Amino acid sequence: MALDPAPAVPTYPGSITTKGTITTSNNSRYIRVNTSGTVQICQSNATNCSSLTMCEQVTDAVTSVVSHWCRLREIDNSNKDLIIDSTNSPGGIRFYFDDTNTGDVIDLGGNGTIQHVRCTAPLADNGGACGTNATLANFDKLLLFATGNKTVNIKGTGGLSMGILAPAGTVEILGNSTFLGVTQSNNFRANGNVTIRVPNSSSNAIGNGFGSFPVEAYDWVARGIRYSSNY
C-alpha cells in the first residue's frame, strides 16, 4: 500500500547504536528469545545458541509491553532457511533496518526462506524448537522496519506472518509464498505464485500491529498508477 505523503519510520526506541548482520552461513538458523530475555541465534533445532549483540529488550513507554529489537544492516540468508521464534517475547521481535545503504536488506540468495513460528506456551531454554507456524492473528509478533529506499525480500510457504513498514522502500514477496499480515511501502511486488491474507480492517490491525507508533491505515487496496490487481 503506497501512501502519499509517505510516513516516517519511527525512531529506533532502544539504546543500541551499532548495526549488525544476521547470516545463516552454511546452515539454516533459528532465532529465539531465551528465558532471560536475550535474543539468540541457534542451529535450526534450537541448540548451540549464542547471543545476538545487535538485539535488546525494550519496554514500550505507552503500553509497558516488552518486545525485542534488533538493529540491523542486513539479513544474509545464503540460500538457507531462517526461522524466527517469537514465543518468549510478549510484544514480539522487531527487525529495524536503518543503515545508510540502499538496495536489498534481506538477501535470500535465490532459495532462502523466512519462517515465523510462535507456540502457545513459553519454551524452556532446553525445550527444543517451536514447530508451530505463526498465524495471521500473530502477524504483529514479527515486525520489520526499513528506512529509506531499501528493498525487503521475503519468501516462505508457511509461517510468513509479519508486518512490514518500509514507506519509502519496496516490499517483494517471492516464489510460492503465503503472506499473512500487513505492509506499508512505496512499491510492492509479488513475483511468483503468491497468496496474500490481511487482517479484517475492522480490527484496526495496522495501527495495533505497529504498537504505539503513528501508522495510518487508509484502506486494504493495492494502489498504483502502473498496474492493477484483483486481490
Protein backbone atom coordinates (compact mmCIF):
# COMPACT_ATOMS: atom_id res chain seq x y z
CA MET A 1 0.00 0.00 0.00
CA ALA A 2 1.62 3.24 -1.11
CA LEU A 3 0.97 6.37 0.94
CA ASP A 4 1.27 9.99 -0.10
CA PRO A 5 2.99 11.52 1.69
CA ALA A 6 4.91 8.53 2.99
CA PRO A 7 5.05 8.38 6.80
CA ALA A 8 8.41 8.38 8.51
CA VAL A 9 9.75 5.22 10.08
CA PRO A 10 9.70 5.77 13.85
CA THR A 11 12.95 6.41 15.67
CA TYR A 12 14.69 3.32 16.98
CA PRO A 13 13.43 3.01 20.59
CA GLY A 14 16.41 1.28 22.22
CA SER A 15 19.98 2.17 23.14
CA ILE A 16 21.97 0.10 20.62
CA THR A 17 23.80 2.20 18.02
CA THR A 18 25.85 -0.44 16.17
CA LYS A 19 24.05 -2.16 13.30
CA GLY A 20 24.75 -5.83 12.76
CA THR A 21 24.25 -8.53 10.13
CA ILE A 22 22.41 -11.79 10.69
CA THR A 23 23.72 -14.57 8.48
CA THR A 24 22.71 -18.19 8.08
CA SER A 25 26.21 -19.10 6.77
CA ASN A 26 26.15 -22.70 5.52
CA ASN A 27 23.25 -23.86 7.69
CA SER A 28 19.71 -22.88 8.46
CA ARG A 29 19.38 -20.78 11.60
CA TYR A 30 16.86 -20.36 14.42
CA ILE A 31 16.38 -17.04 16.23
CA ARG A 32 14.67 -17.06 19.61
CA VAL A 33 14.33 -15.20 22.90
CA ASN A 34 15.57 -17.27 25.85
CA THR A 35 14.04 -17.32 29.32
CA SER A 36 16.35 -14.49 30.42
CA GLY A 37 15.05 -12.19 27.67
CA THR A 38 18.16 -12.42 25.46
CA VAL A 39 17.80 -12.77 21.69
CA GLN A 40 19.86 -15.70 20.45
CA ILE A 41 20.78 -17.33 17.15
CA CYS A 42 20.96 -21.12 17.17
CA GLN A 43 21.17 -24.15 14.95
CA SER A 44 17.83 -24.95 13.32
CA ASN A 45 16.96 -27.38 16.16
CA ALA A 46 17.45 -24.64 18.81
CA THR A 47 20.83 -25.94 20.03
CA ASN A 48 24.29 -24.31 20.15
CA CYS A 49 22.81 -20.86 20.76
CA SER A 50 24.73 -17.60 21.08
CA SER A 51 23.59 -14.06 21.85
CA LEU A 52 22.90 -11.52 19.11
CA THR A 53 24.67 -8.39 20.34
CA MET A 54 22.71 -6.14 18.00
CA CYS A 55 19.46 -7.06 19.77
CA GLU A 56 17.98 -5.81 23.02
CA GLN A 57 14.89 -5.86 25.17
CA VAL A 58 12.74 -2.70 25.03
CA THR A 59 9.73 -1.78 27.16
CA ASP A 60 7.14 0.34 25.35
CA ALA A 61 6.73 3.70 27.08
CA VAL A 62 2.99 3.77 26.37
CA THR A 63 1.83 0.18 26.75
CA SER A 64 4.63 -1.17 29.03
CA VAL A 65 4.75 -4.27 26.81
CA VAL A 66 8.20 -5.84 26.47
CA SER A 67 9.44 -6.53 22.93
CA HIS A 68 12.82 -7.44 21.47
CA TRP A 69 14.51 -5.23 18.89
CA CYS A 70 17.42 -5.98 16.57
CA ARG A 71 19.18 -3.08 14.84
CA LEU A 72 20.42 -4.41 11.53
CA ARG A 73 22.36 -3.66 8.39
CA GLU A 74 21.06 -6.75 6.62
CA ILE A 75 19.99 -10.37 6.84
CA ASP A 76 22.00 -12.71 4.63
CA ASN A 77 20.12 -15.98 4.19
CA SER A 78 22.65 -17.58 1.81
CA ASN A 79 20.07 -19.92 0.26
CA LYS A 80 19.14 -21.30 3.68
CA ASP A 81 16.12 -21.04 5.97
CA LEU A 82 15.81 -18.51 8.78
CA ILE A 83 13.31 -19.48 11.49
CA ILE A 84 12.24 -16.72 13.89
CA ASP A 85 10.59 -17.84 17.12
CA SER A 86 8.70 -15.07 18.91
CA THR A 87 7.19 -17.36 21.59
CA ASN A 88 9.10 -15.95 24.57
CA SER A 89 8.69 -12.30 23.58
CA PRO A 90 5.39 -10.82 24.88
CA GLY A 91 5.37 -7.96 22.39
CA GLY A 92 7.26 -9.77 19.66
CA ILE A 93 10.52 -9.46 17.75
CA ARG A 94 11.32 -6.35 15.66
CA PHE A 95 13.98 -6.09 12.96
CA TYR A 96 14.99 -2.47 12.36
CA PHE A 97 16.99 -1.67 9.20
CA ASP A 98 18.29 1.90 9.30
CA ASP A 99 21.77 1.73 7.82
CA THR A 100 22.62 4.27 5.11
CA ASN A 101 22.77 1.55 2.45
CA THR A 102 20.06 1.18 -0.17
CA GLY A 103 19.03 -1.95 -2.03
CA ASP A 104 18.27 -5.36 -0.51
CA VAL A 105 18.29 -5.61 3.28
CA ILE A 106 17.25 -9.27 3.15
CA ASP A 107 19.32 -11.40 0.78
CA LEU A 108 17.58 -14.73 0.19
CA GLY A 109 20.25 -15.97 -2.19
CA GLY A 110 17.64 -17.44 -4.54
CA ASN A 111 16.37 -20.28 -2.35
CA GLY A 112 16.37 -18.87 1.17
CA THR A 113 13.11 -18.68 3.15
CA ILE A 114 11.83 -16.99 6.29
CA GLN A 115 9.54 -18.73 8.77
CA HIS A 116 7.87 -17.12 11.78
CA VAL A 117 6.89 -19.59 14.49
CA ARG A 118 5.05 -18.98 17.76
CA CYS A 119 3.98 -21.62 20.26
CA THR A 120 1.15 -21.12 22.75
CA ALA A 121 3.22 -21.80 25.87
CA PRO A 122 6.65 -20.40 26.81
CA LEU A 123 9.60 -22.59 25.88
CA ALA A 124 12.43 -23.59 28.19
CA ASP A 125 15.95 -22.91 27.00
CA ASN A 126 16.49 -26.64 26.54
CA GLY A 127 12.95 -27.28 25.34
CA GLY A 128 13.77 -27.63 21.67
CA ALA A 129 12.45 -25.68 18.72
CA CYS A 130 8.91 -24.45 18.24
CA GLY A 131 7.28 -26.10 15.23
CA THR A 132 4.05 -24.09 15.10
CA ASN A 133 3.75 -21.54 12.32
CA ALA A 134 2.59 -18.11 13.46
CA THR A 135 -0.97 -17.35 12.37
CA LEU A 136 -2.45 -14.23 10.84
CA ALA A 137 -3.59 -13.20 14.33
CA ASN A 138 0.06 -13.11 15.43
CA PHE A 139 1.50 -11.14 12.49
CA ASP A 140 2.33 -8.30 14.89
CA LYS A 141 4.76 -10.53 16.81
CA LEU A 142 7.28 -10.11 13.97
CA LEU A 143 7.67 -6.59 12.59
CA LEU A 144 10.21 -5.30 10.05
CA PHE A 145 11.06 -1.59 9.80
CA ALA A 146 13.16 -0.22 6.94
CA THR A 147 14.20 3.41 6.45
CA GLY A 148 14.99 4.99 3.09
CA ASN A 149 14.94 3.35 -0.32
CA LYS A 150 15.51 -0.23 0.80
CA THR A 151 14.09 -3.50 -0.56
CA VAL A 152 12.65 -6.14 1.75
CA ASN A 153 12.59 -9.54 0.02
CA ILE A 154 10.68 -12.33 1.72
CA LYS A 155 9.72 -15.88 0.78
CA GLY A 156 8.14 -18.76 2.66
CA THR A 157 5.48 -21.41 2.16
CA GLY A 158 4.49 -21.42 5.85
CA GLY A 159 4.83 -19.04 8.74
CA LEU A 160 5.28 -15.93 6.61
CA SER A 161 3.29 -13.95 9.16
CA MET A 162 4.58 -10.44 9.83
CA GLY A 163 4.13 -6.70 9.43
CA ILE A 164 6.46 -4.61 7.27
CA LEU A 165 6.84 -0.82 7.42
CA ALA A 166 9.03 0.48 4.59
CA PRO A 167 7.24 3.65 3.49
CA ALA A 168 9.99 4.85 1.11
CA GLY A 169 11.10 1.40 0.02
CA THR A 170 9.98 -1.76 -1.72
CA VAL A 171 8.45 -4.98 -0.42
CA GLU A 172 8.81 -8.00 -2.72
CA ILE A 173 7.29 -11.40 -1.98
CA LEU A 174 8.89 -14.21 -3.95
CA GLY A 175 8.15 -17.78 -5.03
CA ASN A 176 5.30 -19.96 -3.79
CA SER A 177 4.63 -17.85 -0.72
CA THR A 178 1.63 -17.22 1.50
CA PHE A 179 1.97 -13.87 3.24
CA LEU A 180 -0.11 -13.24 6.36
CA GLY A 181 -0.08 -9.68 7.67
CA VAL A 182 0.21 -6.08 6.57
CA THR A 183 2.72 -3.95 4.68
CA GLN A 184 3.22 -0.27 4.03
CA SER A 185 5.68 0.53 1.27
CA ASN A 186 6.22 2.83 -1.66
CA ASN A 187 6.46 -0.13 -4.04
CA PHE A 188 5.05 -3.63 -3.74
CA ARG A 189 5.86 -6.62 -5.94
CA ALA A 190 4.57 -10.19 -5.92
CA ASN A 191 6.96 -12.30 -8.01
CA GLY A 192 5.67 -15.88 -8.26
CA ASN A 193 2.65 -17.80 -7.03
CA VAL A 194 1.91 -15.50 -4.10
CA THR A 195 -1.11 -15.56 -1.79
CA ILE A 196 -1.78 -12.59 0.48
CA ARG A 197 -4.06 -12.58 3.51
CA VAL A 198 -4.64 -9.44 5.57
CA PRO A 199 -6.48 -8.97 8.88
CA ASN A 200 -10.06 -7.77 8.99
CA SER A 201 -9.98 -3.99 8.61
CA SER A 202 -12.43 -3.59 11.50
CA SER A 203 -9.71 -4.77 13.89
CA ASN A 204 -7.57 -1.67 13.22
CA ALA A 205 -4.81 -4.21 12.80
CA ILE A 206 -2.27 -1.92 11.17
CA GLY A 207 -2.31 0.62 13.97
CA ASN A 208 -2.42 -2.01 16.69
CA GLY A 209 0.17 -4.19 15.00
CA PHE A 210 2.79 -1.46 14.87
CA GLY A 211 2.31 -0.68 18.54
CA SER A 212 2.15 2.92 19.69
CA PHE A 213 3.76 4.23 16.50
CA PRO A 214 1.62 6.62 14.40
CA VAL A 215 0.91 4.39 11.41
CA GLU A 216 -2.16 5.34 9.43
CA ALA A 217 -4.45 2.87 7.65
CA TYR A 218 -6.22 4.19 4.57
CA ASP A 219 -7.67 1.04 3.02
CA TRP A 220 -6.88 -2.55 2.10
CA VAL A 221 -6.44 -1.95 -1.63
CA ALA A 222 -3.17 -2.29 -3.53
CA ARG A 223 -2.96 1.09 -5.25
CA GLY A 224 -0.71 2.17 -8.08
CA ILE A 225 -0.58 4.01 -11.37
CA ARG A 226 1.20 1.39 -13.50
CA TYR A 227 -0.55 -1.84 -12.66
CA SER A 228 -3.91 -3.03 -11.43
CA SER A 229 -4.66 -6.01 -9.25
CA ASN A 230 -7.65 -8.14 -8.39
CA TYR A 231 -6.71 -9.00 -4.81
